[in-house]
Amino acid sequence: MMKDVDRSIELVVCGSCGVGMETYMDWDRQVLEYLGDLADYISLHRYVGNQTGDTPDFLAITKSIDRQIEEMDAACRFVQARARRPLRGGKHRAYLCFDEWNVWYKNMQMDGEGRFAPHLIEEVYNLEDALVVAGFLNSFIRHADVVKIANIAQIVNIIAPVLTRGDEMLIQSIFTLSR
């Protein structure tokens, strides 16, 4: 209904998000088939970590990020081809919106109470984590033809590149500045 009022509105549909979920790919295909040309983007999520302390394996995780992007792109292309959708105004398929991603594994505590927001699930990142974040960014660049939106999940305090305490601020190793 919103697109009937304003054709410039872009719709991000909810994908199954996680590569380990039973619904991965099948849910995404069904959503794209059902919504057809209404879907401009499909959402992907990915959090990674080095729970085992295996640095080489952790640094190689970017290969699986590439694979997730390529699999989801294949689902979008499959739905487009199966529907035999012609190009209409240059829009012929859903693209990818990697709208939640980050390194998260050191602090999984989410309990808190009180009137003020407690400092929860704050990660203190290291060089390994920064290299993996760089891997995410490089993967997004390599797949810029299909990944049209990519947002780190949180910006300040909660698994974030910026930590604050009152008037103090710490820029972490995973912080990136784009212009």
N, C-alpha and C. Protein backbone atom coordinates (compact mmCIF):
# COMPACT_ATOMS: atom_id res chain seq x y z
N MET A 1 0.82 -1.19 0.00
CA MET A 1 0.00 0.00 0.00
C MET A 1 0.87 1.26 0.00
N MET A 2 1.97 1.19 0.73
CA MET A 2 2.86 2.36 0.77
C MET A 2 3.41 2.66 -0.62
N LYS A 3 3.78 1.62 -1.36
CA LYS A 3 4.32 1.83 -2.70
C LYS A 3 3.26 2.37 -3.67
N ASP A 4 1.98 2.10 -3.39
CA ASP A 4 0.92 2.68 -4.21
C ASP A 4 0.86 4.19 -4.05
N VAL A 5 1.23 4.66 -2.87
CA VAL A 5 1.23 6.09 -2.59
C VAL A 5 2.51 6.76 -3.06
N ASP A 6 3.64 6.06 -2.88
CA ASP A 6 4.94 6.63 -3.24
C ASP A 6 5.81 5.53 -3.83
N ARG A 7 5.97 5.51 -5.13
CA ARG A 7 6.74 4.48 -5.82
C ARG A 7 8.23 4.52 -5.48
N SER A 8 8.71 5.61 -4.88
CA SER A 8 10.13 5.70 -4.55
C SER A 8 10.48 4.98 -3.24
N ILE A 9 9.48 4.55 -2.49
CA ILE A 9 9.74 3.82 -1.25
C ILE A 9 10.40 2.49 -1.59
N GLU A 10 11.46 2.16 -0.86
CA GLU A 10 12.16 0.90 -1.07
C GLU A 10 11.88 -0.03 0.10
N LEU A 11 11.58 -1.28 -0.22
CA LEU A 11 11.18 -2.26 0.77
C LEU A 11 12.30 -3.27 1.02
N VAL A 12 12.68 -3.41 2.30
CA VAL A 12 13.63 -4.44 2.70
C VAL A 12 12.80 -5.55 3.36
N VAL A 13 12.85 -6.74 2.79
CA VAL A 13 12.09 -7.86 3.34
C VAL A 13 12.98 -8.67 4.27
N CYS A 14 12.35 -9.30 5.23
CA CYS A 14 13.06 -10.05 6.26
C CYS A 14 13.48 -11.41 5.74
N GLY A 15 14.78 -11.60 5.64
CA GLY A 15 15.32 -12.90 5.27
C GLY A 15 15.46 -13.77 6.50
N SER A 16 15.83 -15.03 6.30
CA SER A 16 16.02 -15.92 7.44
C SER A 16 17.25 -15.54 8.23
N CYS A 17 18.13 -14.80 7.62
CA CYS A 17 19.28 -14.15 8.25
C CYS A 17 20.45 -15.04 8.60
N GLY A 18 20.25 -16.14 9.25
CA GLY A 18 21.37 -16.91 9.75
C GLY A 18 21.68 -18.13 8.92
N VAL A 19 22.95 -18.32 8.57
CA VAL A 19 23.36 -19.46 7.75
C VAL A 19 23.15 -20.78 8.47
N GLY A 20 23.06 -20.77 9.78
CA GLY A 20 22.86 -22.00 10.54
C GLY A 20 21.40 -22.32 10.81
N MET A 21 20.49 -21.48 10.36
CA MET A 21 19.07 -21.71 10.62
C MET A 21 18.50 -22.75 9.65
N GLU A 22 17.54 -23.53 10.13
CA GLU A 22 16.89 -24.53 9.27
C GLU A 22 16.21 -23.88 8.07
N THR A 23 15.73 -22.68 8.26
CA THR A 23 14.97 -21.99 7.21
C THR A 23 15.85 -21.26 6.21
N TYR A 24 17.16 -21.25 6.44
CA TYR A 24 18.08 -20.51 5.58
C TYR A 24 17.88 -20.89 4.12
N MET A 25 17.75 -19.95 3.29
CA MET A 25 17.56 -20.02 1.84
C MET A 25 16.11 -20.36 1.47
N ASP A 26 15.49 -21.33 2.11
CA ASP A 26 14.12 -21.69 1.74
C ASP A 26 13.15 -20.58 2.10
N TRP A 27 13.28 -20.04 3.31
CA TRP A 27 12.44 -18.91 3.72
C TRP A 27 12.65 -17.74 2.77
N ASP A 28 13.89 -17.45 2.48
CA ASP A 28 14.23 -16.31 1.63
C ASP A 28 13.61 -16.46 0.23
N ARG A 29 13.72 -17.64 -0.31
CA ARG A 29 13.12 -17.91 -1.63
C ARG A 29 11.61 -17.70 -1.58
N GLN A 30 10.96 -18.23 -0.56
CA GLN A 30 9.51 -18.10 -0.46
C GLN A 30 9.08 -16.65 -0.31
N VAL A 31 9.78 -15.90 0.51
CA VAL A 31 9.45 -14.48 0.70
C VAL A 31 9.60 -13.73 -0.61
N LEU A 32 10.68 -13.97 -1.31
CA LEU A 32 10.91 -13.29 -2.59
C LEU A 32 9.87 -13.68 -3.63
N GLU A 33 9.51 -14.96 -3.68
CA GLU A 33 8.48 -15.39 -4.63
C GLU A 33 7.13 -14.76 -4.31
N TYR A 34 6.80 -14.71 -3.04
CA TYR A 34 5.51 -14.17 -2.63
C TYR A 34 5.40 -12.67 -2.91
N LEU A 35 6.46 -11.93 -2.60
CA LEU A 35 6.41 -10.48 -2.75
C LEU A 35 6.73 -10.00 -4.16
N GLY A 36 7.39 -10.85 -4.94
CA GLY A 36 7.68 -10.48 -6.32
C GLY A 36 8.45 -9.17 -6.42
N ASP A 37 8.01 -8.32 -7.32
CA ASP A 37 8.70 -7.06 -7.58
C ASP A 37 8.58 -6.05 -6.45
N LEU A 38 7.78 -6.33 -5.42
CA LEU A 38 7.66 -5.39 -4.30
C LEU A 38 8.93 -5.38 -3.45
N ALA A 39 9.68 -6.47 -3.46
CA ALA A 39 10.90 -6.57 -2.65
C ALA A 39 12.06 -5.91 -3.38
N ASP A 40 12.58 -4.83 -2.81
CA ASP A 40 13.76 -4.18 -3.37
C ASP A 40 15.04 -4.81 -2.83
N TYR A 41 14.99 -5.25 -1.57
CA TYR A 41 16.15 -5.82 -0.90
C TYR A 41 15.69 -6.97 -0.01
N ILE A 42 16.60 -7.89 0.25
CA ILE A 42 16.36 -8.92 1.26
C ILE A 42 17.45 -8.79 2.32
N SER A 43 17.05 -8.93 3.56
CA SER A 43 17.93 -8.70 4.70
C SER A 43 18.80 -9.91 5.01
N LEU A 44 20.07 -9.65 5.31
CA LEU A 44 21.02 -10.67 5.77
C LEU A 44 21.62 -10.19 7.09
N HIS A 45 21.92 -11.13 7.97
CA HIS A 45 22.60 -10.83 9.23
C HIS A 45 23.79 -11.78 9.37
N ARG A 46 24.80 -11.32 10.10
CA ARG A 46 25.93 -12.21 10.39
C ARG A 46 26.75 -11.66 11.54
N TYR A 47 26.88 -12.45 12.59
CA TYR A 47 27.80 -12.16 13.69
C TYR A 47 28.82 -13.28 13.72
N VAL A 48 30.07 -12.93 13.92
CA VAL A 48 31.14 -13.92 13.93
C VAL A 48 32.00 -13.74 15.17
N GLY A 49 32.71 -14.80 15.54
CA GLY A 49 33.58 -14.71 16.70
C GLY A 49 34.65 -15.76 16.68
N ASN A 50 35.57 -15.63 17.64
CA ASN A 50 36.69 -16.55 17.75
C ASN A 50 36.64 -17.23 19.12
N GLN A 51 35.56 -17.97 19.35
CA GLN A 51 35.36 -18.62 20.65
C GLN A 51 36.45 -19.62 20.98
N THR A 52 37.05 -20.24 19.98
CA THR A 52 38.05 -21.28 20.22
C THR A 52 39.48 -20.75 20.28
N GLY A 53 39.66 -19.46 19.98
CA GLY A 53 41.01 -18.89 20.00
C GLY A 53 41.86 -19.32 18.81
N ASP A 54 41.25 -19.76 17.74
CA ASP A 54 41.96 -20.22 16.54
C ASP A 54 42.06 -19.06 15.55
N THR A 55 43.16 -18.32 15.64
CA THR A 55 43.33 -17.12 14.82
C THR A 55 43.24 -17.39 13.32
N PRO A 56 43.95 -18.37 12.76
CA PRO A 56 43.85 -18.59 11.31
C PRO A 56 42.41 -18.89 10.87
N ASP A 57 41.70 -19.70 11.63
CA ASP A 57 40.31 -20.03 11.29
C ASP A 57 39.43 -18.79 11.38
N PHE A 58 39.64 -17.99 12.40
CA PHE A 58 38.86 -16.76 12.57
C PHE A 58 39.11 -15.80 11.42
N LEU A 59 40.33 -15.62 11.02
CA LEU A 59 40.65 -14.71 9.93
C LEU A 59 40.11 -15.21 8.59
N ALA A 60 39.93 -16.51 8.47
CA ALA A 60 39.42 -17.09 7.22
C ALA A 60 37.90 -17.00 7.13
N ILE A 61 37.25 -16.48 8.15
CA ILE A 61 35.78 -16.42 8.16
C ILE A 61 35.22 -15.57 7.03
N THR A 62 36.04 -14.68 6.49
CA THR A 62 35.54 -13.83 5.41
C THR A 62 35.15 -14.68 4.19
N LYS A 63 35.74 -15.83 4.03
CA LYS A 63 35.34 -16.72 2.93
C LYS A 63 33.88 -17.13 3.10
N SER A 64 33.46 -17.38 4.33
CA SER A 64 32.06 -17.77 4.55
C SER A 64 31.12 -16.58 4.40
N ILE A 65 31.62 -15.38 4.61
CA ILE A 65 30.81 -14.18 4.38
C ILE A 65 30.57 -14.03 2.88
N ASP A 66 31.63 -14.21 2.09
CA ASP A 66 31.48 -14.22 0.63
C ASP A 66 30.46 -15.27 0.21
N ARG A 67 30.56 -16.44 0.79
CA ARG A 67 29.65 -17.53 0.42
C ARG A 67 28.20 -17.18 0.75
N GLN A 68 27.97 -16.60 1.92
CA GLN A 68 26.61 -16.21 2.30
C GLN A 68 26.03 -15.20 1.29
N ILE A 69 26.83 -14.23 0.91
CA ILE A 69 26.40 -13.23 -0.07
C ILE A 69 26.09 -13.91 -1.40
N GLU A 70 26.97 -14.78 -1.84
CA GLU A 70 26.79 -15.45 -3.12
C GLU A 70 25.58 -16.38 -3.12
N GLU A 71 25.34 -17.06 -2.00
CA GLU A 71 24.16 -17.92 -1.90
C GLU A 71 22.87 -17.11 -1.94
N MET A 72 22.84 -16.02 -1.19
CA MET A 72 21.62 -15.20 -1.18
C MET A 72 21.41 -14.54 -2.53
N ASP A 73 22.47 -14.12 -3.18
CA ASP A 73 22.36 -13.56 -4.52
C ASP A 73 21.81 -14.61 -5.48
N ALA A 74 22.25 -15.84 -5.33
CA ALA A 74 21.75 -16.93 -6.18
C ALA A 74 20.25 -17.13 -5.97
N ALA A 75 19.80 -17.03 -4.72
CA ALA A 75 18.36 -17.15 -4.44
C ALA A 75 17.59 -16.03 -5.13
N CYS A 76 18.11 -14.82 -5.07
CA CYS A 76 17.45 -13.68 -5.74
C CYS A 76 17.40 -13.90 -7.25
N ARG A 77 18.49 -14.35 -7.82
CA ARG A 77 18.54 -14.59 -9.27
C ARG A 77 17.62 -15.76 -9.67
N PHE A 78 17.56 -16.79 -8.82
CA PHE A 78 16.68 -17.93 -9.08
C PHE A 78 15.22 -17.48 -9.13
N VAL A 79 14.81 -16.70 -8.14
CA VAL A 79 13.42 -16.23 -8.09
C VAL A 79 13.12 -15.36 -9.30
N GLN A 80 14.06 -14.50 -9.64
CA GLN A 80 13.88 -13.63 -10.81
C GLN A 80 13.74 -14.48 -12.08
N ALA A 81 14.62 -15.46 -12.27
CA ALA A 81 14.59 -16.29 -13.48
C ALA A 81 13.34 -17.16 -13.53
N ARG A 82 12.97 -17.71 -12.40
CA ARG A 82 11.79 -18.59 -12.35
C ARG A 82 10.52 -17.82 -12.69
N ALA A 83 10.44 -16.58 -12.26
CA ALA A 83 9.26 -15.76 -12.55
C ALA A 83 9.31 -15.17 -13.94
N ARG A 84 10.48 -15.29 -14.59
CA ARG A 84 10.69 -14.71 -15.92
C ARG A 84 10.27 -13.25 -15.95
N ARG A 85 10.76 -12.55 -14.95
CA ARG A 85 10.41 -11.13 -14.82
C ARG A 85 11.20 -10.30 -15.84
N PRO A 86 10.51 -9.53 -16.63
CA PRO A 86 11.22 -8.62 -17.54
C PRO A 86 11.74 -7.42 -16.78
N LEU A 87 12.70 -6.75 -17.38
CA LEU A 87 13.20 -5.50 -16.80
C LEU A 87 12.10 -4.45 -16.88
N ARG A 88 11.81 -3.83 -15.76
CA ARG A 88 10.83 -2.74 -15.73
C ARG A 88 11.47 -1.56 -15.04
N GLY A 89 11.74 -0.54 -15.79
CA GLY A 89 12.36 0.64 -15.21
C GLY A 89 13.72 0.36 -14.59
N GLY A 90 14.43 -0.65 -15.10
CA GLY A 90 15.74 -0.99 -14.56
C GLY A 90 15.67 -1.86 -13.32
N LYS A 91 14.48 -2.05 -12.75
CA LYS A 91 14.31 -2.87 -11.54
C LYS A 91 13.82 -4.25 -11.93
N HIS A 92 14.61 -5.25 -11.69
CA HIS A 92 14.21 -6.58 -12.09
C HIS A 92 14.48 -7.64 -11.02
N ARG A 93 15.06 -7.26 -9.91
CA ARG A 93 15.38 -8.26 -8.90
C ARG A 93 15.58 -7.59 -7.55
N ALA A 94 15.55 -8.40 -6.50
CA ALA A 94 15.88 -7.89 -5.17
C ALA A 94 17.40 -7.93 -4.99
N TYR A 95 17.92 -6.91 -4.32
CA TYR A 95 19.33 -6.86 -3.99
C TYR A 95 19.51 -7.19 -2.51
N LEU A 96 20.74 -7.18 -2.04
CA LEU A 96 21.03 -7.60 -0.67
C LEU A 96 21.24 -6.41 0.24
N CYS A 97 20.67 -6.54 1.44
CA CYS A 97 20.81 -5.55 2.50
C CYS A 97 21.43 -6.26 3.69
N PHE A 98 22.72 -6.12 3.87
CA PHE A 98 23.43 -6.76 4.99
C PHE A 98 23.27 -5.81 6.17
N ASP A 99 22.07 -5.84 6.78
CA ASP A 99 21.72 -4.80 7.74
C ASP A 99 22.11 -5.08 9.19
N GLU A 100 22.68 -6.22 9.47
CA GLU A 100 23.25 -6.49 10.80
C GLU A 100 24.47 -7.37 10.61
N TRP A 101 25.61 -6.86 11.05
CA TRP A 101 26.84 -7.66 11.00
C TRP A 101 27.83 -7.09 12.00
N ASN A 102 28.68 -7.95 12.51
CA ASN A 102 29.74 -7.50 13.41
C ASN A 102 30.47 -8.71 13.99
N VAL A 103 31.53 -8.42 14.71
CA VAL A 103 32.25 -9.41 15.52
C VAL A 103 31.60 -9.36 16.91
N TRP A 104 31.22 -10.54 17.42
CA TRP A 104 30.60 -10.60 18.74
C TRP A 104 30.79 -11.98 19.33
N TYR A 105 31.59 -12.07 20.40
CA TYR A 105 31.78 -13.37 21.04
C TYR A 105 32.35 -13.29 22.44
N LYS A 106 32.92 -12.19 22.82
CA LYS A 106 33.61 -12.13 24.11
C LYS A 106 32.66 -11.90 25.28
N ASN A 107 31.70 -11.07 25.08
CA ASN A 107 30.77 -10.73 26.15
C ASN A 107 29.35 -10.96 25.68
N MET A 108 28.75 -12.03 26.15
CA MET A 108 27.38 -12.37 25.74
C MET A 108 26.36 -12.08 26.85
N GLN A 109 26.79 -11.40 27.92
CA GLN A 109 25.88 -11.09 29.03
C GLN A 109 24.90 -10.00 28.62
N MET A 110 23.61 -10.30 28.74
CA MET A 110 22.59 -9.33 28.35
C MET A 110 21.65 -8.97 29.50
N ASP A 111 21.95 -9.35 30.71
CA ASP A 111 21.04 -9.05 31.80
C ASP A 111 21.41 -7.72 32.46
N GLY A 112 20.41 -6.98 32.85
CA GLY A 112 20.61 -5.68 33.48
C GLY A 112 19.29 -5.22 34.06
N GLU A 113 19.36 -4.29 34.99
CA GLU A 113 18.14 -3.78 35.58
C GLU A 113 18.36 -2.35 36.02
N GLY A 114 17.29 -1.64 36.30
CA GLY A 114 17.40 -0.27 36.75
C GLY A 114 16.82 0.70 35.73
N ARG A 115 16.83 1.96 36.10
CA ARG A 115 16.23 2.99 35.26
C ARG A 115 17.17 3.47 34.17
N PHE A 116 18.46 3.28 34.36
CA PHE A 116 19.42 3.73 33.37
C PHE A 116 19.96 2.53 32.60
N ALA A 117 20.22 2.72 31.35
CA ALA A 117 20.73 1.63 30.54
C ALA A 117 22.10 1.20 31.05
N PRO A 118 22.23 -0.06 31.45
CA PRO A 118 23.52 -0.55 31.92
C PRO A 118 24.47 -0.76 30.75
N HIS A 119 25.75 -0.87 31.06
CA HIS A 119 26.74 -1.16 30.03
C HIS A 119 26.72 -2.67 29.80
N LEU A 120 26.02 -3.08 28.74
CA LEU A 120 25.82 -4.50 28.44
C LEU A 120 26.57 -4.90 27.19
N ILE A 121 26.87 -6.15 27.11
CA ILE A 121 27.53 -6.79 25.96
C ILE A 121 28.50 -5.87 25.21
N GLU A 122 29.37 -5.24 25.97
CA GLU A 122 30.41 -4.41 25.37
C GLU A 122 31.63 -5.27 25.08
N GLU A 123 32.02 -5.31 23.85
CA GLU A 123 33.22 -6.03 23.44
C GLU A 123 34.41 -5.08 23.48
N VAL A 124 35.55 -5.58 23.87
CA VAL A 124 36.79 -4.84 23.72
C VAL A 124 37.53 -5.55 22.59
N TYR A 125 37.63 -4.87 21.47
CA TYR A 125 38.15 -5.49 20.25
C TYR A 125 39.67 -5.44 20.18
N ASN A 126 40.24 -6.41 19.45
CA ASN A 126 41.68 -6.48 19.25
C ASN A 126 41.99 -6.44 17.75
N LEU A 127 43.25 -6.65 17.41
CA LEU A 127 43.67 -6.59 16.01
C LEU A 127 42.99 -7.67 15.17
N GLU A 128 42.87 -8.88 15.71
CA GLU A 128 42.18 -9.95 14.97
C GLU A 128 40.77 -9.51 14.59
N ASP A 129 40.05 -8.93 15.55
CA ASP A 129 38.69 -8.49 15.30
C ASP A 129 38.66 -7.41 14.22
N ALA A 130 39.61 -6.49 14.28
CA ALA A 130 39.68 -5.42 13.27
C ALA A 130 39.94 -6.00 11.89
N LEU A 131 40.78 -7.03 11.81
CA LEU A 131 41.05 -7.66 10.51
C LEU A 131 39.81 -8.36 9.96
N VAL A 132 39.02 -8.96 10.84
CA VAL A 132 37.78 -9.61 10.39
C VAL A 132 36.76 -8.56 9.95
N VAL A 133 36.65 -7.45 10.67
CA VAL A 133 35.77 -6.36 10.24
C VAL A 133 36.22 -5.85 8.86
N ALA A 134 37.52 -5.72 8.66
CA ALA A 134 38.04 -5.31 7.35
C ALA A 134 37.66 -6.35 6.29
N GLY A 135 37.63 -7.62 6.68
CA GLY A 135 37.21 -8.67 5.76
C GLY A 135 35.76 -8.53 5.36
N PHE A 136 34.90 -8.19 6.32
CA PHE A 136 33.49 -7.91 6.00
C PHE A 136 33.43 -6.79 4.96
N LEU A 137 34.13 -5.69 5.24
CA LEU A 137 34.07 -4.53 4.35
C LEU A 137 34.59 -4.87 2.96
N ASN A 138 35.68 -5.63 2.89
CA ASN A 138 36.21 -6.05 1.58
C ASN A 138 35.22 -6.95 0.85
N SER A 139 34.55 -7.81 1.59
CA SER A 139 33.54 -8.67 0.96
C SER A 139 32.40 -7.84 0.39
N PHE A 140 31.97 -6.84 1.13
CA PHE A 140 30.90 -5.96 0.64
C PHE A 140 31.34 -5.23 -0.63
N ILE A 141 32.60 -4.81 -0.66
CA ILE A 141 33.11 -4.12 -1.86
C ILE A 141 33.20 -5.09 -3.04
N ARG A 142 33.70 -6.31 -2.78
CA ARG A 142 33.79 -7.31 -3.86
C ARG A 142 32.42 -7.63 -4.46
N HIS A 143 31.39 -7.53 -3.63
CA HIS A 143 30.03 -7.88 -4.07
C HIS A 143 29.13 -6.64 -4.17
N ALA A 144 29.74 -5.51 -4.46
CA ALA A 144 28.98 -4.25 -4.52
C ALA A 144 27.92 -4.26 -5.60
N ASP A 145 28.02 -5.15 -6.55
CA ASP A 145 26.98 -5.24 -7.58
C ASP A 145 25.67 -5.78 -7.03
N VAL A 146 25.72 -6.49 -5.89
CA VAL A 146 24.49 -7.05 -5.30
C VAL A 146 24.25 -6.60 -3.86
N VAL A 147 25.31 -6.29 -3.10
CA VAL A 147 25.14 -5.77 -1.74
C VAL A 147 25.03 -4.25 -1.87
N LYS A 148 23.81 -3.76 -1.74
CA LYS A 148 23.57 -2.33 -1.94
C LYS A 148 23.49 -1.57 -0.62
N ILE A 149 23.26 -2.29 0.49
CA ILE A 149 23.20 -1.68 1.82
C ILE A 149 23.99 -2.58 2.77
N ALA A 150 24.85 -1.99 3.59
CA ALA A 150 25.58 -2.76 4.60
C ALA A 150 25.77 -1.88 5.83
N ASN A 151 25.17 -2.28 6.94
CA ASN A 151 25.23 -1.51 8.18
C ASN A 151 25.79 -2.36 9.30
N ILE A 152 26.83 -1.87 9.95
CA ILE A 152 27.29 -2.55 11.17
C ILE A 152 26.13 -2.49 12.16
N ALA A 153 25.98 -3.53 12.95
CA ALA A 153 24.77 -3.68 13.77
C ALA A 153 24.60 -2.55 14.79
N GLN A 154 25.58 -2.24 15.55
CA GLN A 154 25.49 -1.20 16.56
C GLN A 154 26.67 -0.26 16.41
N ILE A 155 26.49 0.98 16.84
CA ILE A 155 27.54 1.98 16.67
C ILE A 155 28.20 2.35 18.00
N VAL A 156 27.39 2.51 19.05
CA VAL A 156 27.91 2.99 20.33
C VAL A 156 27.55 2.03 21.45
N ASN A 157 28.57 1.61 22.21
CA ASN A 157 28.52 0.85 23.44
C ASN A 157 28.18 -0.63 23.31
N ILE A 158 27.14 -1.02 22.64
CA ILE A 158 26.78 -2.44 22.59
C ILE A 158 27.43 -3.06 21.35
N ILE A 159 28.35 -3.98 21.57
CA ILE A 159 29.18 -4.60 20.52
C ILE A 159 29.49 -3.58 19.42
N ALA A 160 30.14 -2.51 19.81
CA ALA A 160 30.27 -1.35 18.94
C ALA A 160 31.71 -0.85 18.81
N PRO A 161 31.95 -0.10 17.73
CA PRO A 161 33.28 0.49 17.52
C PRO A 161 33.56 1.69 18.42
N VAL A 162 32.54 2.23 19.06
CA VAL A 162 32.71 3.39 19.93
C VAL A 162 32.15 3.04 21.32
N LEU A 163 32.96 3.24 22.35
CA LEU A 163 32.53 3.05 23.73
C LEU A 163 32.51 4.41 24.43
N THR A 164 31.48 4.64 25.25
CA THR A 164 31.39 5.90 26.00
C THR A 164 31.15 5.62 27.48
N ARG A 165 31.63 6.54 28.30
CA ARG A 165 31.36 6.57 29.75
C ARG A 165 31.28 8.04 30.10
N GLY A 166 30.09 8.54 30.35
CA GLY A 166 29.94 9.96 30.64
C GLY A 166 30.44 10.80 29.47
N ASP A 167 31.39 11.66 29.73
CA ASP A 167 31.96 12.51 28.69
C ASP A 167 33.15 11.87 27.97
N GLU A 168 33.51 10.66 28.37
CA GLU A 168 34.67 10.00 27.77
C GLU A 168 34.25 9.11 26.61
N MET A 169 35.14 8.99 25.63
CA MET A 169 34.85 8.17 24.46
C MET A 169 36.11 7.41 24.05
N LEU A 170 35.93 6.14 23.70
CA LEU A 170 37.02 5.31 23.22
C LEU A 170 36.68 4.82 21.81
N ILE A 171 37.56 5.10 20.87
CA ILE A 171 37.42 4.58 19.51
C ILE A 171 38.16 3.25 19.46
N GLN A 172 37.45 2.17 19.13
CA GLN A 172 38.04 0.84 19.13
C GLN A 172 38.71 0.49 17.80
N SER A 173 39.41 -0.64 17.81
CA SER A 173 40.18 -1.07 16.63
C SER A 173 39.29 -1.36 15.42
N ILE A 174 38.00 -1.65 15.62
CA ILE A 174 37.12 -1.96 14.50
C ILE A 174 36.47 -0.71 13.90
N PHE A 175 36.77 0.46 14.46
CA PHE A 175 36.18 1.71 13.97
C PHE A 175 36.67 2.01 12.57
N THR A 176 35.76 2.37 11.70
CA THR A 176 36.12 2.81 10.36
C THR A 176 35.38 4.11 10.07
N LEU A 177 35.99 4.94 9.31
CA LEU A 177 35.39 6.21 8.93
C LEU A 177 35.31 6.26 7.42
N SER A 178 34.11 6.43 6.90
CA SER A 178 33.96 6.53 5.45
C SER A 178 33.44 7.92 5.10
N ARG A 179 33.77 8.34 3.93
CA ARG A 179 33.34 9.67 3.47
C ARG A 179 32.51 9.54 2.25
